């Protein structure tokens, strides 16, 4: 078996998370955050659709981490994202971090929007 170092292209992996923060690409980000091919930035939560919709054409799937527990995102947000050609998967934030890193390592066109745990 051959083991190679994981390459993440231009996007940054989620290195860790804790009470109110995420460590992405070695840097701590407090509060809600969005990361993907365009880099990492703060995110205003489910009411802040513009940065998510701006990913149209850059990603195939957006993972949404809803904090410590899984929760639904607003129907209009899901409809707008899907209408823009972005697949949406909702899960708790720890699962979204893990799934994002796996898909990123596979070279997938993915982003993750995370609410803190």
C-alpha atoms as a PDB file:
ATOM      1  CA  UNK A   1       0.000   0.000   0.000  1.00  0.00           C
ATOM      2  CA  UNK A   2       1.279   3.461  -0.890  1.00  0.00           C
ATOM      3  CA  UNK A   3       0.515   6.410   1.385  1.00  0.00           C
ATOM      4  CA  UNK A   4       0.808   9.907  -0.040  1.00  0.00           C
ATOM      5  CA  UNK A   5       0.494  13.286   1.569  1.00  0.00           C
ATOM      6  CA  UNK A   6      -2.965  14.786   1.104  1.00  0.00           C
ATOM      7  CA  UNK A   7      -3.066  17.763  -1.271  1.00  0.00           C
ATOM      8  CA  UNK A   8      -5.863  20.293  -0.821  1.00  0.00           C
ATOM      9  CA  UNK A   9      -5.388  22.373  -4.029  1.00  0.00           C
ATOM     10  CA  UNK A  10      -6.053  26.076  -3.310  1.00  0.00           C
ATOM     11  CA  UNK A  11      -8.683  25.570  -0.588  1.00  0.00           C
ATOM     12  CA  UNK A  12      -7.732  25.206   3.072  1.00  0.00           C
ATOM     13  CA  UNK A  13      -8.667  22.203   5.229  1.00  0.00           C
ATOM     14  CA  UNK A  14     -10.423  22.509   8.570  1.00  0.00           C
ATOM     15  CA  UNK A  15      -7.719  21.646  11.100  1.00  0.00           C
ATOM     16  CA  UNK A  16      -9.927  21.710  14.187  1.00  0.00           C
ATOM     17  CA  UNK A  17     -12.800  23.344  16.017  1.00  0.00           C
ATOM     18  CA  UNK A  18     -13.839  24.137  19.547  1.00  0.00           C
ATOM     19  CA  UNK A  19     -16.170  26.270  21.604  1.00  0.00           C
ATOM     20  CA  UNK A  20     -17.004  29.126  19.231  1.00  0.00           C
ATOM     21  CA  UNK A  21     -14.069  28.802  16.820  1.00  0.00           C
ATOM     22  CA  UNK A  22     -12.710  26.895  13.824  1.00  0.00           C
ATOM     23  CA  UNK A  23      -9.044  26.446  12.879  1.00  0.00           C
ATOM     24  CA  UNK A  24      -8.754  26.538   9.089  1.00  0.00           C
ATOM     25  CA  UNK A  25      -5.442  26.406   7.284  1.00  0.00           C
ATOM     26  CA  UNK A  26      -3.676  26.889  10.613  1.00  0.00           C
ATOM     27  CA  UNK A  27      -5.548  30.097  11.544  1.00  0.00           C
ATOM     28  CA  UNK A  28      -8.282  30.511  14.173  1.00  0.00           C
ATOM     29  CA  UNK A  29     -11.610  31.991  13.052  1.00  0.00           C
ATOM     30  CA  UNK A  30     -14.193  32.884  15.687  1.00  0.00           C
ATOM     31  CA  UNK A  31     -17.911  32.627  15.014  1.00  0.00           C
ATOM     32  CA  UNK A  32     -19.577  31.440  11.820  1.00  0.00           C
ATOM     33  CA  UNK A  33     -17.242  30.904   8.870  1.00  0.00           C
ATOM     34  CA  UNK A  34     -17.317  30.034   5.161  1.00  0.00           C
ATOM     35  CA  UNK A  35     -14.378  28.332   3.470  1.00  0.00           C
ATOM     36  CA  UNK A  36     -13.812  26.932   0.012  1.00  0.00           C
ATOM     37  CA  UNK A  37     -12.040  27.708  -3.249  1.00  0.00           C
ATOM     38  CA  UNK A  38     -12.345  31.478  -2.733  1.00  0.00           C
ATOM     39  CA  UNK A  39     -10.651  31.355   0.685  1.00  0.00           C
ATOM     40  CA  UNK A  40     -11.969  31.700   4.212  1.00  0.00           C
ATOM     41  CA  UNK A  41     -14.144  34.510   5.599  1.00  0.00           C
ATOM     42  CA  UNK A  42     -16.669  35.216   8.308  1.00  0.00           C
ATOM     43  CA  UNK A  43     -20.254  34.282   7.489  1.00  0.00           C
ATOM     44  CA  UNK A  44     -23.462  35.853   8.779  1.00  0.00           C
ATOM     45  CA  UNK A  45     -25.336  32.557   9.116  1.00  0.00           C
ATOM     46  CA  UNK A  46     -28.339  31.259   7.167  1.00  0.00           C
ATOM     47  CA  UNK A  47     -29.662  34.791   6.619  1.00  0.00           C
ATOM     48  CA  UNK A  48     -26.424  35.693   4.770  1.00  0.00           C
ATOM     49  CA  UNK A  49     -27.056  34.039   1.385  1.00  0.00           C
ATOM     50  CA  UNK A  50     -24.965  36.317  -0.852  1.00  0.00           C
ATOM     51  CA  UNK A  51     -21.509  34.802  -0.151  1.00  0.00           C
ATOM     52  CA  UNK A  52     -22.976  31.323  -0.619  1.00  0.00           C
ATOM     53  CA  UNK A  53     -24.632  32.208  -3.926  1.00  0.00           C
ATOM     54  CA  UNK A  54     -21.369  33.818  -5.093  1.00  0.00           C
ATOM     55  CA  UNK A  55     -19.903  30.285  -5.124  1.00  0.00           C
ATOM     56  CA  UNK A  56     -22.126  29.318  -8.073  1.00  0.00           C
ATOM     57  CA  UNK A  57     -19.955  27.867 -10.830  1.00  0.00           C
ATOM     58  CA  UNK A  58     -17.033  27.342  -8.439  1.00  0.00           C
ATOM     59  CA  UNK A  59     -18.437  24.412  -6.439  1.00  0.00           C
ATOM     60  CA  UNK A  60     -20.761  21.473  -6.923  1.00  0.00           C
ATOM     61  CA  UNK A  61     -21.752  21.007  -3.298  1.00  0.00           C
ATOM     62  CA  UNK A  62     -22.019  23.215  -0.233  1.00  0.00           C
ATOM     63  CA  UNK A  63     -21.876  21.569   3.162  1.00  0.00           C
ATOM     64  CA  UNK A  64     -23.710  23.502   5.864  1.00  0.00           C
ATOM     65  CA  UNK A  65     -22.719  22.819   9.461  1.00  0.00           C
ATOM     66  CA  UNK A  66     -25.534  23.880  11.785  1.00  0.00           C
ATOM     67  CA  UNK A  67     -23.610  23.883  15.071  1.00  0.00           C
ATOM     68  CA  UNK A  68     -23.596  21.115  17.661  1.00  0.00           C
ATOM     69  CA  UNK A  69     -26.920  19.696  16.463  1.00  0.00           C
ATOM     70  CA  UNK A  70     -28.319  19.171  12.982  1.00  0.00           C
ATOM     71  CA  UNK A  71     -31.028  21.657  12.020  1.00  0.00           C
ATOM     72  CA  UNK A  72     -32.850  22.638   8.853  1.00  0.00           C
ATOM     73  CA  UNK A  73     -31.757  25.649   6.847  1.00  0.00           C
ATOM     74  CA  UNK A  74     -34.487  28.035   5.661  1.00  0.00           C
ATOM     75  CA  UNK A  75     -36.400  26.712   2.656  1.00  0.00           C
ATOM     76  CA  UNK A  76     -35.846  29.871   0.573  1.00  0.00           C
ATOM     77  CA  UNK A  77     -32.065  29.585   1.114  1.00  0.00           C
ATOM     78  CA  UNK A  78     -32.021  25.954   0.012  1.00  0.00           C
ATOM     79  CA  UNK A  79     -34.153  26.790  -3.040  1.00  0.00           C
ATOM     80  CA  UNK A  80     -31.890  29.708  -4.013  1.00  0.00           C
ATOM     81  CA  UNK A  81     -28.739  27.580  -3.718  1.00  0.00           C
ATOM     82  CA  UNK A  82     -30.204  24.683  -5.667  1.00  0.00           C
ATOM     83  CA  UNK A  83     -31.534  27.130  -8.270  1.00  0.00           C
ATOM     84  CA  UNK A  84     -27.957  28.405  -8.659  1.00  0.00           C
ATOM     85  CA  UNK A  85     -26.774  24.854  -9.340  1.00  0.00           C
ATOM     86  CA  UNK A  86     -25.262  24.268  -5.897  1.00  0.00           C
ATOM     87  CA  UNK A  87     -26.063  20.999  -4.144  1.00  0.00           C
ATOM     88  CA  UNK A  88     -26.672  21.439  -0.413  1.00  0.00           C
ATOM     89  CA  UNK A  89     -25.931  18.948   2.373  1.00  0.00           C
ATOM     90  CA  UNK A  90     -26.861  19.896   5.931  1.00  0.00           C
ATOM     91  CA  UNK A  91     -25.285  18.252   8.983  1.00  0.00           C
ATOM     92  CA  UNK A  92     -23.893  19.223  12.362  1.00  0.00           C
ATOM     93  CA  UNK A  93     -20.673  21.243  12.215  1.00  0.00           C
ATOM     94  CA  UNK A  94     -18.278  18.489  13.377  1.00  0.00           C
ATOM     95  CA  UNK A  95     -19.563  16.144  10.644  1.00  0.00           C
ATOM     96  CA  UNK A  96     -19.426  18.970   8.077  1.00  0.00           C
ATOM     97  CA  UNK A  97     -15.755  19.623   8.940  1.00  0.00           C
ATOM     98  CA  UNK A  98     -14.823  15.963   8.492  1.00  0.00           C
ATOM     99  CA  UNK A  99     -16.833  15.559   5.291  1.00  0.00           C
ATOM    100  CA  UNK A 100     -15.384  18.751   3.823  1.00  0.00           C
ATOM    101  CA  UNK A 101     -11.813  17.559   4.429  1.00  0.00           C
ATOM    102  CA  UNK A 102     -12.519  14.175   2.820  1.00  0.00           C
ATOM    103  CA  UNK A 103     -14.156  15.711  -0.262  1.00  0.00           C
ATOM    104  CA  UNK A 104     -11.407  18.316  -0.507  1.00  0.00           C
ATOM    105  CA  UNK A 105      -8.762  15.594  -0.369  1.00  0.00           C
ATOM    106  CA  UNK A 106     -10.570  13.830  -3.228  1.00  0.00           C
ATOM    107  CA  UNK A 107     -10.264  16.980  -5.338  1.00  0.00           C
ATOM    108  CA  UNK A 108     -13.990  17.728  -5.264  1.00  0.00           C
ATOM    109  CA  UNK A 109     -15.422  21.189  -5.874  1.00  0.00           C
ATOM    110  CA  UNK A 110     -16.732  21.822  -2.366  1.00  0.00           C
ATOM    111  CA  UNK A 111     -17.185  24.565   0.215  1.00  0.00           C
ATOM    112  CA  UNK A 112     -18.385  24.520   3.804  1.00  0.00           C
ATOM    113  CA  UNK A 113     -20.409  27.080   5.764  1.00  0.00           C
ATOM    114  CA  UNK A 114     -20.108  26.487   9.498  1.00  0.00           C
ATOM    115  CA  UNK A 115     -21.991  27.689  12.547  1.00  0.00           C
ATOM    116  CA  UNK A 116     -19.920  27.333  15.741  1.00  0.00           C
ATOM    117  CA  UNK A 117     -20.397  24.479  18.204  1.00  0.00           C
END
